Amino acid sequence: MSKPTPEELDLALTAAAIMSERKQDEHYLAKCLLNLNYRVAYLEKVFKAAERYVYFGQEEREHQLLIKAIEQARDEELHITKKEEQPNFGL
């Protein structure tokens, strides 16, 4: 499956928002698309930080940026799932 173009993604997200607002989302497709799009944004930051960390020979600064990205992603996941904060195991 190919990645949608920015225009296709924008159109799909707009349609999903309208479906959600009008409560015309019987099978929760709009809700899933909007949620996954939100999650992808911060998970891409983790991916890019991990890539930089590995690419630059595991330097300390890159390690700190990776840890920060992971913690931010964890916080967002807790926020959207409305769960209590998980223990921080040194990450």
Foldseek 3Di string as FASTA:
>chain_A
DDDDDPVVLVVLLVVLVVCVVVVVCPPCPSVVSVVVVVLCVLVVQLVVLVVCCVVVPNDPVSVVSNVVSVVVSLVVVCVVVVHDDDDDPPD
